């Protein structure tokens, strides 16, 4: 493939994935609510970018996801607004840097499993969602665990703060499992379609 043609495809794909991510972030399209369970699909465009274009795209789309999340901390999301009141800088890092790292790591996973096709796409989707949970919760615990205001509010919301393991389990619940499984299945399916459309370069294409 000619370099200019590949560059055009790269720009187009990044533009499409960015637009889809923003649409999902600010509409109900990005979430599926089943009873008390709320499943987010926002790491799926991040995973697809990581698969198609590599770690740099995963990091960029992850950062974009984080920017949309941080924007909602200005009154649109109760929990994010609460964290902003405690420490805006830590909230910024938790929203944006953590998501960028999740996308970056998803990109490295995609590179490692790219030769196994559909299974590799599915694994990348699963890992992207898992990384998002791990880095987000890790940042939350690192920055806010010792803050009395935070702990008092968690207890007021019925979330246990007796120890880190119980807090992680209570805060994340089973949502992260459903999110990871959804990302695994949907990323695998869409990744396959993109591969057939030659938007994801095959090893043969690169030779």
N, C-alpha and C. Protein backbone atom coordinates (compact mmCIF):
# COMPACT_ATOMS: atom_id res chain seq x y z
N UNK A 1 0.85 -1.20 0.00
CA UNK A 1 0.00 0.00 0.00
C UNK A 1 0.88 1.25 0.00
N UNK A 2 0.54 2.24 -0.80
CA UNK A 2 1.32 3.46 -0.88
C UNK A 2 1.25 4.21 0.44
N UNK A 3 2.37 4.86 0.85
CA UNK A 3 2.40 5.58 2.13
C UNK A 3 1.30 6.62 2.26
N UNK A 4 1.03 7.37 1.18
CA UNK A 4 0.02 8.42 1.27
C UNK A 4 -1.38 7.84 1.46
N UNK A 5 -1.62 6.71 0.78
CA UNK A 5 -2.92 6.04 0.91
C UNK A 5 -3.10 5.52 2.33
N UNK A 6 -2.02 4.96 2.91
CA UNK A 6 -2.10 4.45 4.28
C UNK A 6 -2.30 5.60 5.27
N UNK A 7 -1.64 6.72 5.03
CA UNK A 7 -1.79 7.88 5.91
C UNK A 7 -3.23 8.39 5.88
N UNK A 8 -3.82 8.40 4.70
CA UNK A 8 -5.21 8.85 4.57
C UNK A 8 -6.15 7.93 5.33
N UNK A 9 -5.92 6.62 5.22
CA UNK A 9 -6.74 5.66 5.94
C UNK A 9 -6.58 5.82 7.45
N UNK A 10 -5.36 6.09 7.88
CA UNK A 10 -5.08 6.27 9.31
C UNK A 10 -5.85 7.47 9.85
N UNK A 11 -5.77 8.59 9.13
CA UNK A 11 -6.47 9.81 9.56
C UNK A 11 -7.98 9.59 9.58
N UNK A 12 -8.47 8.93 8.53
CA UNK A 12 -9.92 8.68 8.44
C UNK A 12 -10.40 7.79 9.58
N UNK A 13 -9.65 6.72 9.85
CA UNK A 13 -10.05 5.79 10.90
C UNK A 13 -9.99 6.45 12.27
N UNK A 14 -8.95 7.25 12.53
CA UNK A 14 -8.85 7.96 13.81
C UNK A 14 -10.00 8.94 13.97
N UNK A 15 -10.36 9.60 12.87
CA UNK A 15 -11.47 10.55 12.92
C UNK A 15 -12.78 9.86 13.22
N UNK A 16 -13.00 8.70 12.58
CA UNK A 16 -14.25 7.95 12.80
C UNK A 16 -14.32 7.43 14.23
N UNK A 17 -13.24 6.84 14.70
CA UNK A 17 -13.24 6.28 16.06
C UNK A 17 -13.39 7.39 17.11
N UNK A 18 -12.77 8.54 16.86
CA UNK A 18 -12.89 9.67 17.79
C UNK A 18 -14.33 10.16 17.85
N UNK A 19 -14.95 10.27 16.68
CA UNK A 19 -16.34 10.74 16.62
C UNK A 19 -17.28 9.76 17.31
N UNK A 20 -17.06 8.47 17.08
CA UNK A 20 -17.89 7.44 17.72
C UNK A 20 -17.72 7.49 19.23
N UNK A 21 -16.48 7.64 19.69
CA UNK A 21 -16.22 7.69 21.13
C UNK A 21 -16.92 8.87 21.78
N UNK A 22 -16.83 10.04 21.15
CA UNK A 22 -17.48 11.24 21.71
C UNK A 22 -18.99 11.07 21.73
N UNK A 23 -19.54 10.50 20.65
CA UNK A 23 -20.98 10.24 20.59
C UNK A 23 -21.40 9.31 21.72
N UNK A 24 -20.65 8.25 21.92
CA UNK A 24 -20.96 7.29 22.96
C UNK A 24 -20.85 7.90 24.35
N UNK A 25 -19.86 8.78 24.53
CA UNK A 25 -19.60 9.35 25.86
C UNK A 25 -20.72 10.26 26.33
N UNK A 26 -21.38 10.95 25.40
CA UNK A 26 -22.37 11.95 25.80
C UNK A 26 -23.81 11.57 25.45
N UNK A 27 -24.01 10.30 25.09
CA UNK A 27 -25.36 9.81 24.82
C UNK A 27 -25.52 8.44 25.48
N UNK A 28 -26.74 7.95 25.60
CA UNK A 28 -26.95 6.62 26.19
C UNK A 28 -26.37 5.47 25.36
N UNK A 29 -25.93 5.77 24.13
CA UNK A 29 -25.36 4.73 23.27
C UNK A 29 -24.16 4.07 23.93
N UNK A 30 -23.44 4.82 24.75
CA UNK A 30 -22.22 4.30 25.37
C UNK A 30 -22.45 3.43 26.58
N UNK A 31 -23.70 3.29 26.99
CA UNK A 31 -23.97 2.54 28.22
C UNK A 31 -25.18 1.62 28.03
N UNK A 32 -25.14 0.51 28.72
CA UNK A 32 -26.27 -0.40 28.76
C UNK A 32 -26.62 -0.63 30.22
N UNK A 33 -27.82 -0.24 30.59
CA UNK A 33 -28.25 -0.40 31.98
C UNK A 33 -29.22 -1.57 32.08
N UNK A 34 -28.84 -2.55 32.92
CA UNK A 34 -29.67 -3.72 33.18
C UNK A 34 -29.87 -3.80 34.69
N UNK A 35 -31.02 -3.33 35.17
CA UNK A 35 -31.24 -3.28 36.61
C UNK A 35 -30.24 -2.34 37.26
N UNK A 36 -29.49 -2.88 38.22
CA UNK A 36 -28.49 -2.06 38.91
C UNK A 36 -27.15 -2.07 38.19
N UNK A 37 -27.04 -2.87 37.13
CA UNK A 37 -25.78 -2.99 36.40
C UNK A 37 -25.72 -1.96 35.28
N UNK A 38 -24.61 -1.24 35.21
CA UNK A 38 -24.39 -0.26 34.14
C UNK A 38 -23.11 -0.65 33.41
N UNK A 39 -23.25 -1.06 32.16
CA UNK A 39 -22.10 -1.52 31.37
C UNK A 39 -21.69 -0.42 30.41
N UNK A 40 -20.41 -0.05 30.46
CA UNK A 40 -19.88 0.98 29.57
C UNK A 40 -19.20 0.32 28.37
N UNK A 41 -19.43 0.88 27.18
CA UNK A 41 -18.80 0.39 25.96
C UNK A 41 -17.69 1.32 25.47
N UNK A 42 -17.29 2.27 26.29
CA UNK A 42 -16.41 3.34 25.82
C UNK A 42 -14.97 2.90 25.54
N UNK A 43 -14.56 1.76 26.07
CA UNK A 43 -13.21 1.29 25.76
C UNK A 43 -13.15 0.54 24.43
N UNK A 44 -14.31 0.27 23.82
CA UNK A 44 -14.30 -0.48 22.57
C UNK A 44 -13.66 0.32 21.43
N UNK A 45 -14.01 1.61 21.21
CA UNK A 45 -13.30 2.37 20.18
C UNK A 45 -11.80 2.49 20.47
N UNK A 46 -11.46 2.56 21.75
CA UNK A 46 -10.04 2.62 22.14
C UNK A 46 -9.34 1.33 21.72
N UNK A 47 -9.96 0.21 22.01
CA UNK A 47 -9.38 -1.08 21.65
C UNK A 47 -9.25 -1.24 20.14
N UNK A 48 -10.26 -0.80 19.41
CA UNK A 48 -10.21 -0.90 17.94
C UNK A 48 -9.09 -0.04 17.36
N UNK A 49 -8.91 1.15 17.91
CA UNK A 49 -7.80 1.99 17.46
C UNK A 49 -6.46 1.35 17.77
N UNK A 50 -6.36 0.72 18.94
CA UNK A 50 -5.12 0.05 19.32
C UNK A 50 -4.82 -1.11 18.39
N UNK A 51 -5.86 -1.84 17.98
CA UNK A 51 -5.70 -2.97 17.06
C UNK A 51 -5.29 -2.48 15.68
N UNK A 52 -5.99 -1.48 15.19
CA UNK A 52 -5.79 -1.04 13.81
C UNK A 52 -4.51 -0.23 13.62
N UNK A 53 -4.15 0.58 14.63
CA UNK A 53 -3.07 1.56 14.43
C UNK A 53 -1.95 1.47 15.45
N UNK A 54 -2.11 0.66 16.47
CA UNK A 54 -1.03 0.45 17.42
C UNK A 54 -1.17 1.21 18.72
N UNK A 55 -0.16 1.09 19.59
CA UNK A 55 -0.21 1.69 20.93
C UNK A 55 -0.44 3.19 20.94
N UNK A 56 0.14 3.92 19.98
CA UNK A 56 -0.01 5.38 19.99
C UNK A 56 -1.48 5.76 19.81
N UNK A 57 -2.18 5.04 18.95
CA UNK A 57 -3.60 5.33 18.72
C UNK A 57 -4.43 4.93 19.93
N UNK A 58 -4.08 3.81 20.55
CA UNK A 58 -4.76 3.41 21.76
C UNK A 58 -4.62 4.45 22.86
N UNK A 59 -3.39 4.99 23.00
CA UNK A 59 -3.15 6.03 24.01
C UNK A 59 -3.92 7.31 23.69
N UNK A 60 -3.94 7.70 22.41
CA UNK A 60 -4.62 8.94 22.01
C UNK A 60 -6.13 8.82 22.22
N UNK A 61 -6.70 7.69 21.83
CA UNK A 61 -8.14 7.49 22.00
C UNK A 61 -8.49 7.31 23.48
N UNK A 62 -7.60 6.68 24.23
CA UNK A 62 -7.80 6.56 25.66
C UNK A 62 -7.81 7.93 26.33
N UNK A 63 -6.89 8.80 25.89
CA UNK A 63 -6.85 10.16 26.42
C UNK A 63 -8.12 10.92 26.06
N UNK A 64 -8.62 10.71 24.84
CA UNK A 64 -9.86 11.36 24.43
C UNK A 64 -11.03 10.88 25.29
N UNK A 65 -11.08 9.58 25.55
CA UNK A 65 -12.09 9.04 26.46
C UNK A 65 -11.97 9.72 27.82
N UNK A 66 -10.72 9.88 28.29
CA UNK A 66 -10.49 10.52 29.57
C UNK A 66 -10.93 11.98 29.59
N UNK A 67 -10.73 12.68 28.49
CA UNK A 67 -11.15 14.09 28.40
C UNK A 67 -12.67 14.19 28.50
N UNK A 68 -13.38 13.29 27.82
CA UNK A 68 -14.84 13.31 27.93
C UNK A 68 -15.29 13.00 29.35
N UNK A 69 -14.57 12.10 30.00
CA UNK A 69 -14.89 11.75 31.38
C UNK A 69 -14.62 12.93 32.32
N UNK A 70 -13.49 13.60 32.09
CA UNK A 70 -13.14 14.75 32.93
C UNK A 70 -14.12 15.89 32.72
N UNK A 71 -14.58 16.08 31.49
CA UNK A 71 -15.55 17.14 31.20
C UNK A 71 -16.83 16.94 31.99
N UNK A 72 -17.20 15.69 32.21
CA UNK A 72 -18.43 15.41 32.94
C UNK A 72 -18.28 15.64 34.44
N UNK A 73 -17.05 15.86 34.88
CA UNK A 73 -16.83 16.17 36.30
C UNK A 73 -17.24 17.60 36.65
N UNK A 74 -17.58 18.38 35.64
CA UNK A 74 -18.02 19.76 35.87
C UNK A 74 -19.54 19.82 35.93
N UNK A 75 -20.11 19.05 36.85
CA UNK A 75 -21.54 19.11 37.11
C UNK A 75 -22.39 18.09 36.41
N UNK A 76 -21.83 17.36 35.43
CA UNK A 76 -22.64 16.39 34.68
C UNK A 76 -22.66 15.02 35.33
N UNK A 77 -21.67 14.73 36.14
CA UNK A 77 -21.58 13.43 36.80
C UNK A 77 -21.37 13.67 38.30
N UNK A 78 -22.25 13.11 39.12
CA UNK A 78 -22.22 13.39 40.56
C UNK A 78 -20.92 12.93 41.20
N UNK A 79 -20.47 11.73 40.85
CA UNK A 79 -19.25 11.22 41.46
C UNK A 79 -18.03 12.01 41.02
N UNK A 80 -17.94 12.31 39.73
CA UNK A 80 -16.82 13.09 39.22
C UNK A 80 -16.79 14.48 39.82
N UNK A 81 -17.94 15.11 39.96
CA UNK A 81 -18.02 16.44 40.58
C UNK A 81 -17.58 16.39 42.03
N UNK A 82 -17.95 15.33 42.72
CA UNK A 82 -17.53 15.13 44.11
C UNK A 82 -16.01 15.05 44.21
N UNK A 83 -15.38 14.29 43.31
CA UNK A 83 -13.91 14.18 43.31
C UNK A 83 -13.25 15.50 42.96
N UNK A 84 -13.84 16.24 42.03
CA UNK A 84 -13.30 17.55 41.65
C UNK A 84 -13.28 18.49 42.85
N UNK A 85 -14.29 18.42 43.67
CA UNK A 85 -14.35 19.28 44.86
C UNK A 85 -13.24 18.95 45.85
N UNK A 86 -12.81 17.68 45.85
CA UNK A 86 -11.73 17.28 46.76
C UNK A 86 -10.37 17.68 46.20
N UNK A 87 -10.11 17.29 44.93
CA UNK A 87 -8.80 17.59 44.33
C UNK A 87 -8.90 17.55 42.81
N UNK A 88 -8.98 18.70 42.16
CA UNK A 88 -9.11 18.74 40.69
C UNK A 88 -7.95 18.10 39.95
N UNK A 89 -6.72 18.29 40.45
CA UNK A 89 -5.56 17.73 39.74
C UNK A 89 -5.57 16.21 39.77
N UNK A 90 -5.82 15.63 40.93
CA UNK A 90 -5.88 14.18 41.02
C UNK A 90 -7.02 13.62 40.16
N UNK A 91 -8.12 14.34 40.11
CA UNK A 91 -9.25 13.91 39.28
C UNK A 91 -8.86 13.93 37.81
N UNK A 92 -8.13 14.95 37.39
CA UNK A 92 -7.63 15.06 36.02
C UNK A 92 -6.75 13.86 35.67
N UNK A 93 -5.81 13.54 36.56
CA UNK A 93 -4.91 12.41 36.32
C UNK A 93 -5.69 11.11 36.25
N UNK A 94 -6.63 10.93 37.17
CA UNK A 94 -7.41 9.70 37.23
C UNK A 94 -8.26 9.51 35.97
N UNK A 95 -8.83 10.61 35.48
CA UNK A 95 -9.70 10.52 34.30
C UNK A 95 -8.91 10.37 33.01
N UNK A 96 -7.88 11.18 32.82
CA UNK A 96 -7.21 11.25 31.52
C UNK A 96 -5.96 10.38 31.44
N UNK A 97 -5.04 10.53 32.38
CA UNK A 97 -3.79 9.77 32.32
C UNK A 97 -4.06 8.27 32.45
N UNK A 98 -4.94 7.90 33.36
CA UNK A 98 -5.24 6.48 33.56
C UNK A 98 -5.82 5.87 32.29
N UNK A 99 -6.72 6.60 31.62
CA UNK A 99 -7.34 6.07 30.39
C UNK A 99 -6.32 6.01 29.25
N UNK A 100 -5.42 6.99 29.17
CA UNK A 100 -4.38 6.96 28.14
C UNK A 100 -3.47 5.75 28.34
N UNK A 101 -3.12 5.46 29.59
CA UNK A 101 -2.28 4.30 29.89
C UNK A 101 -3.01 3.00 29.55
N UNK A 102 -4.31 2.96 29.81
CA UNK A 102 -5.10 1.77 29.47
C UNK A 102 -5.08 1.53 27.96
N UNK A 103 -5.26 2.61 27.17
CA UNK A 103 -5.21 2.49 25.73
C UNK A 103 -3.85 2.09 25.22
N UNK A 104 -2.80 2.65 25.84
CA UNK A 104 -1.43 2.31 25.45
C UNK A 104 -1.15 0.83 25.69
N UNK A 105 -1.52 0.35 26.87
CA UNK A 105 -1.30 -1.07 27.19
C UNK A 105 -2.12 -1.97 26.28
N UNK A 106 -3.33 -1.54 25.93
CA UNK A 106 -4.14 -2.31 24.99
C UNK A 106 -3.44 -2.43 23.64
N UNK A 107 -2.76 -1.35 23.25
CA UNK A 107 -2.02 -1.37 21.99
C UNK A 107 -0.89 -2.38 22.01
N UNK A 108 -0.19 -2.49 23.14
CA UNK A 108 0.89 -3.47 23.25
C UNK A 108 0.34 -4.90 23.24
N UNK A 109 -0.83 -5.09 23.87
CA UNK A 109 -1.47 -6.40 23.82
C UNK A 109 -1.84 -6.74 22.38
N UNK A 110 -2.41 -5.76 21.67
CA UNK A 110 -2.81 -5.98 20.28
C UNK A 110 -1.61 -6.40 19.42
N UNK A 111 -0.47 -5.78 19.64
CA UNK A 111 0.74 -6.14 18.89
C UNK A 111 1.19 -7.55 19.22
N UNK A 112 1.05 -7.93 20.49
CA UNK A 112 1.50 -9.25 20.92
C UNK A 112 0.63 -10.39 20.39
N UNK A 113 -0.66 -10.09 20.16
CA UNK A 113 -1.59 -11.17 19.75
C UNK A 113 -2.10 -10.98 18.33
N UNK A 114 -1.48 -10.10 17.55
CA UNK A 114 -2.00 -9.77 16.23
C UNK A 114 -2.02 -10.95 15.25
N UNK A 115 -1.18 -11.96 15.49
CA UNK A 115 -1.08 -13.07 14.55
C UNK A 115 -2.18 -14.11 14.73
N UNK A 116 -3.00 -13.97 15.77
CA UNK A 116 -4.03 -14.99 16.00
C UNK A 116 -5.42 -14.51 15.60
N UNK A 117 -5.48 -13.42 14.81
CA UNK A 117 -6.72 -13.00 14.18
C UNK A 117 -7.83 -12.61 15.12
N UNK A 118 -9.02 -13.20 14.91
CA UNK A 118 -10.21 -12.84 15.66
C UNK A 118 -9.99 -12.99 17.16
N UNK A 119 -9.33 -14.06 17.57
CA UNK A 119 -9.05 -14.27 18.99
C UNK A 119 -8.21 -13.13 19.54
N UNK A 120 -7.26 -12.65 18.74
CA UNK A 120 -6.42 -11.53 19.17
C UNK A 120 -7.23 -10.26 19.35
N UNK A 121 -8.18 -10.03 18.45
CA UNK A 121 -9.04 -8.85 18.57
C UNK A 121 -9.86 -8.93 19.87
N UNK A 122 -10.42 -10.11 20.13
CA UNK A 122 -11.24 -10.30 21.32
C UNK A 122 -10.41 -10.14 22.59
N UNK A 123 -9.21 -10.70 22.59
CA UNK A 123 -8.33 -10.57 23.76
C UNK A 123 -7.99 -9.11 24.01
N UNK A 124 -7.72 -8.36 22.95
CA UNK A 124 -7.40 -6.94 23.10
C UNK A 124 -8.58 -6.18 23.71
N UNK A 125 -9.79 -6.46 23.23
CA UNK A 125 -10.97 -5.80 23.78
C UNK A 125 -11.13 -6.10 25.26
N UNK A 126 -10.97 -7.36 25.62
CA UNK A 126 -11.09 -7.76 27.03
C UNK A 126 -10.05 -7.04 27.88
N UNK A 127 -8.81 -7.05 27.41
CA UNK A 127 -7.72 -6.43 28.17
C UNK A 127 -7.90 -4.91 28.27
N UNK A 128 -8.40 -4.27 27.21
CA UNK A 128 -8.60 -2.83 27.25
C UNK A 128 -9.57 -2.45 28.36
N UNK A 129 -10.68 -3.18 28.46
CA UNK A 129 -11.66 -2.91 29.52
C UNK A 129 -11.07 -3.20 30.89
N UNK A 130 -10.30 -4.29 30.99
CA UNK A 130 -9.68 -4.64 32.27
C UNK A 130 -8.65 -3.60 32.69
N UNK A 131 -7.83 -3.15 31.75
CA UNK A 131 -6.84 -2.11 32.05
C UNK A 131 -7.52 -0.83 32.53
N UNK A 132 -8.62 -0.49 31.89
CA UNK A 132 -9.35 0.72 32.27
C UNK A 132 -9.80 0.64 33.73
N UNK A 133 -10.35 -0.51 34.11
CA UNK A 133 -10.79 -0.69 35.50
C UNK A 133 -9.61 -0.65 36.45
N UNK A 134 -8.53 -1.34 36.10
CA UNK A 134 -7.37 -1.42 36.99
C UNK A 134 -6.72 -0.05 37.19
N UNK A 135 -6.49 0.68 36.10
CA UNK A 135 -5.83 1.98 36.22
C UNK A 135 -6.73 3.02 36.87
N UNK A 136 -8.03 2.99 36.54
CA UNK A 136 -8.95 3.94 37.14
C UNK A 136 -9.07 3.71 38.64
N UNK A 137 -9.30 2.46 39.01
CA UNK A 137 -9.44 2.15 40.43
C UNK A 137 -8.13 2.31 41.17
N UNK A 138 -7.03 1.97 40.51
CA UNK A 138 -5.72 2.17 41.14
C UNK A 138 -5.47 3.64 41.44
N UNK A 139 -5.82 4.50 40.49
CA UNK A 139 -5.66 5.95 40.69
C UNK A 139 -6.59 6.45 41.79
N UNK A 140 -7.81 5.95 41.79
CA UNK A 140 -8.79 6.37 42.80
C UNK A 140 -8.28 6.03 44.20
N UNK A 141 -7.77 4.81 44.34
CA UNK A 141 -7.26 4.39 45.65
C UNK A 141 -6.00 5.16 46.01
N UNK A 142 -5.10 5.32 45.05
CA UNK A 142 -3.83 6.02 45.32
C UNK A 142 -4.06 7.46 45.75
N UNK A 143 -4.97 8.16 45.08
CA UNK A 143 -5.15 9.59 45.32
C UNK A 143 -6.16 9.93 46.41
N UNK A 144 -7.16 9.06 46.61
CA UNK A 144 -8.26 9.46 47.49
C UNK A 144 -8.48 8.55 48.70
N UNK A 145 -7.76 7.44 48.77
CA UNK A 145 -8.03 6.48 49.84
C UNK A 145 -7.82 7.06 51.24
N UNK A 146 -6.87 7.94 51.39
CA UNK A 146 -6.58 8.50 52.72
C UNK A 146 -7.32 9.80 53.00
N UNK A 147 -8.23 10.18 52.12
CA UNK A 147 -8.98 11.41 52.31
C UNK A 147 -10.26 11.14 53.11
N UNK A 148 -10.39 11.79 54.25
CA UNK A 148 -11.53 11.53 55.14
C UNK A 148 -12.87 11.88 54.48
N UNK A 149 -12.91 12.98 53.73
CA UNK A 149 -14.14 13.36 53.05
C UNK A 149 -14.59 12.27 52.09
N UNK A 150 -13.64 11.73 51.36
CA UNK A 150 -13.93 10.66 50.40
C UNK A 150 -14.46 9.42 51.12
N UNK A 151 -13.75 9.00 52.15
CA UNK A 151 -14.15 7.79 52.88
C UNK A 151 -15.52 7.94 53.53
N UNK A 152 -15.77 9.11 54.11
CA UNK A 152 -17.08 9.36 54.74
C UNK A 152 -18.21 9.28 53.72
N UNK A 153 -17.97 9.84 52.52
CA UNK A 153 -19.01 9.82 51.50
C UNK A 153 -19.24 8.41 50.97
N UNK A 154 -18.17 7.63 50.83
CA UNK A 154 -18.32 6.25 50.38
C UNK A 154 -19.20 5.47 51.36
N UNK A 155 -18.94 5.66 52.63
CA UNK A 155 -19.74 4.97 53.64
C UNK A 155 -21.19 5.45 53.61
N UNK A 156 -21.38 6.74 53.38
CA UNK A 156 -22.75 7.28 53.28
C UNK A 156 -23.48 6.68 52.09
N UNK A 157 -22.75 6.34 51.03
CA UNK A 157 -23.36 5.71 49.85
C UNK A 157 -23.47 4.20 49.99
N UNK A 158 -23.05 3.68 51.14
CA UNK A 158 -23.16 2.25 51.40
C UNK A 158 -22.04 1.42 50.83
N UNK A 159 -20.92 2.05 50.48
CA UNK A 159 -19.76 1.33 49.94
C UNK A 159 -18.76 1.12 51.06
N UNK A 160 -18.43 -0.13 51.34
CA UNK A 160 -17.55 -0.45 52.45
C UNK A 160 -16.13 0.07 52.23
N UNK A 161 -15.52 0.56 53.31
CA UNK A 161 -14.13 1.02 53.23
C UNK A 161 -13.29 0.35 54.31
N UNK A 162 -13.71 -0.85 54.70
CA UNK A 162 -12.99 -1.57 55.75
C UNK A 162 -11.59 -1.96 55.32
N UNK A 163 -11.45 -2.38 54.07
CA UNK A 163 -10.12 -2.67 53.53
C UNK A 163 -10.16 -2.49 52.01
N UNK A 164 -8.99 -2.46 51.41
CA UNK A 164 -8.90 -2.17 49.98
C UNK A 164 -9.61 -3.20 49.11
N UNK A 165 -9.46 -4.48 49.46
CA UNK A 165 -10.06 -5.53 48.64
C UNK A 165 -11.59 -5.41 48.64
N UNK A 166 -12.17 -5.19 49.80
CA UNK A 166 -13.62 -5.06 49.88
C UNK A 166 -14.10 -3.79 49.18
N UNK A 167 -13.32 -2.72 49.32
CA UNK A 167 -13.69 -1.47 48.66
C UNK A 167 -13.68 -1.65 47.14
N UNK A 168 -12.63 -2.27 46.61
CA UNK A 168 -12.52 -2.50 45.17
C UNK A 168 -13.70 -3.32 44.68
N UNK A 169 -14.00 -4.42 45.41
CA UNK A 169 -15.09 -5.30 45.00
C UNK A 169 -16.44 -4.59 45.07
N UNK A 170 -16.64 -3.80 46.13
CA UNK A 170 -17.92 -3.12 46.31
C UNK A 170 -18.10 -2.00 45.29
N UNK A 171 -17.01 -1.28 44.99
CA UNK A 171 -17.10 -0.14 44.08
C UNK A 171 -17.27 -0.59 42.64
N UNK A 172 -16.50 -1.59 42.24
CA UNK A 172 -16.54 -2.07 40.86
C UNK A 172 -17.70 -3.04 40.66
N UNK A 173 -17.93 -3.89 41.67
CA UNK A 173 -19.00 -4.88 41.57
C UNK A 173 -18.77 -5.83 40.41
N UNK A 174 -19.87 -6.28 39.80
CA UNK A 174 -19.75 -7.20 38.66
C UNK A 174 -19.77 -6.45 37.34
N UNK A 175 -19.87 -5.12 37.42
CA UNK A 175 -19.91 -4.32 36.19
C UNK A 175 -18.67 -4.56 35.33
N UNK A 176 -17.49 -4.60 35.99
CA UNK A 176 -16.26 -4.72 35.22
C UNK A 176 -16.21 -6.04 34.46
N UNK A 177 -16.80 -7.10 35.03
CA UNK A 177 -16.81 -8.39 34.36
C UNK A 177 -17.66 -8.32 33.09
N UNK A 178 -18.85 -7.73 33.21
CA UNK A 178 -19.73 -7.59 32.05
C UNK A 178 -19.11 -6.67 31.01
N UNK A 179 -18.46 -5.59 31.45
CA UNK A 179 -17.82 -4.66 30.51
C UNK A 179 -16.71 -5.36 29.74
N UNK A 180 -15.89 -6.15 30.46
CA UNK A 180 -14.78 -6.84 29.81
C UNK A 180 -15.30 -7.87 28.80
N UNK A 181 -16.35 -8.60 29.18
CA UNK A 181 -16.92 -9.60 28.27
C UNK A 181 -17.56 -8.93 27.05
N UNK A 182 -18.28 -7.82 27.28
CA UNK A 182 -18.89 -7.10 26.17
C UNK A 182 -17.83 -6.56 25.23
N UNK A 183 -16.76 -5.98 25.80
CA UNK A 183 -15.66 -5.45 24.98
C UNK A 183 -14.99 -6.57 24.20
N UNK A 184 -14.85 -7.73 24.83
CA UNK A 184 -14.24 -8.89 24.18
C UNK A 184 -15.03 -9.31 22.94
N UNK A 185 -16.33 -9.47 23.11
CA UNK A 185 -17.19 -9.95 22.02
C UNK A 185 -17.33 -8.91 20.91
N UNK A 186 -17.63 -7.67 21.30
CA UNK A 186 -17.89 -6.63 20.29
C UNK A 186 -16.62 -6.24 19.56
N UNK A 187 -15.50 -6.11 20.29
CA UNK A 187 -14.24 -5.77 19.64
C UNK A 187 -13.81 -6.88 18.68
N UNK A 188 -14.03 -8.13 19.08
CA UNK A 188 -13.70 -9.24 18.19
C UNK A 188 -14.49 -9.19 16.90
N UNK A 189 -15.78 -8.89 17.02
CA UNK A 189 -16.64 -8.84 15.83
C UNK A 189 -16.30 -7.66 14.92
N UNK A 190 -16.17 -6.47 15.52
CA UNK A 190 -15.87 -5.29 14.70
C UNK A 190 -14.45 -5.35 14.15
N UNK A 191 -13.52 -5.86 14.95
CA UNK A 191 -12.14 -6.01 14.48
C UNK A 191 -12.06 -6.92 13.27
N UNK A 192 -12.85 -7.96 13.27
CA UNK A 192 -12.89 -8.87 12.12
C UNK A 192 -13.40 -8.16 10.87
N UNK A 193 -14.45 -7.35 11.06
CA UNK A 193 -15.01 -6.60 9.93
C UNK A 193 -14.00 -5.59 9.38
N UNK A 194 -13.29 -4.91 10.27
CA UNK A 194 -12.28 -3.95 9.83
C UNK A 194 -11.13 -4.64 9.10
N UNK A 195 -10.79 -5.84 9.58
CA UNK A 195 -9.72 -6.59 8.93
C UNK A 195 -10.12 -7.00 7.52
N UNK A 196 -11.37 -7.43 7.36
CA UNK A 196 -11.85 -7.82 6.03
C UNK A 196 -11.93 -6.61 5.10
N UNK A 197 -12.17 -5.42 5.69
CA UNK A 197 -12.21 -4.20 4.87
C UNK A 197 -10.82 -3.63 4.64
N UNK A 198 -9.80 -4.36 5.16
CA UNK A 198 -8.39 -3.98 5.01
C UNK A 198 -8.06 -2.65 5.71
N UNK A 199 -8.83 -2.31 6.75
CA UNK A 199 -8.52 -1.14 7.56
C UNK A 199 -7.55 -1.51 8.67
N UNK A 200 -7.38 -2.81 8.89
CA UNK A 200 -6.35 -3.31 9.79
C UNK A 200 -5.34 -4.04 8.92
N UNK A 201 -4.13 -3.51 8.79
CA UNK A 201 -3.13 -4.13 7.88
C UNK A 201 -2.80 -5.54 8.31
N UNK A 202 -2.78 -6.44 7.35
CA UNK A 202 -2.37 -7.83 7.63
C UNK A 202 -0.87 -7.93 7.46
N UNK A 203 -0.33 -9.05 7.90
CA UNK A 203 1.12 -9.25 7.77
C UNK A 203 1.52 -9.28 6.30
N UNK A 204 0.60 -9.82 5.47
CA UNK A 204 0.92 -9.86 4.04
C UNK A 204 0.98 -8.47 3.44
N UNK A 205 0.10 -7.58 3.90
CA UNK A 205 0.04 -6.22 3.38
C UNK A 205 1.33 -5.47 3.69
N UNK A 206 1.91 -5.77 4.86
CA UNK A 206 3.09 -5.04 5.31
C UNK A 206 4.35 -5.46 4.57
N UNK A 207 4.31 -6.68 3.97
CA UNK A 207 5.53 -7.18 3.30
C UNK A 207 5.77 -6.48 1.98
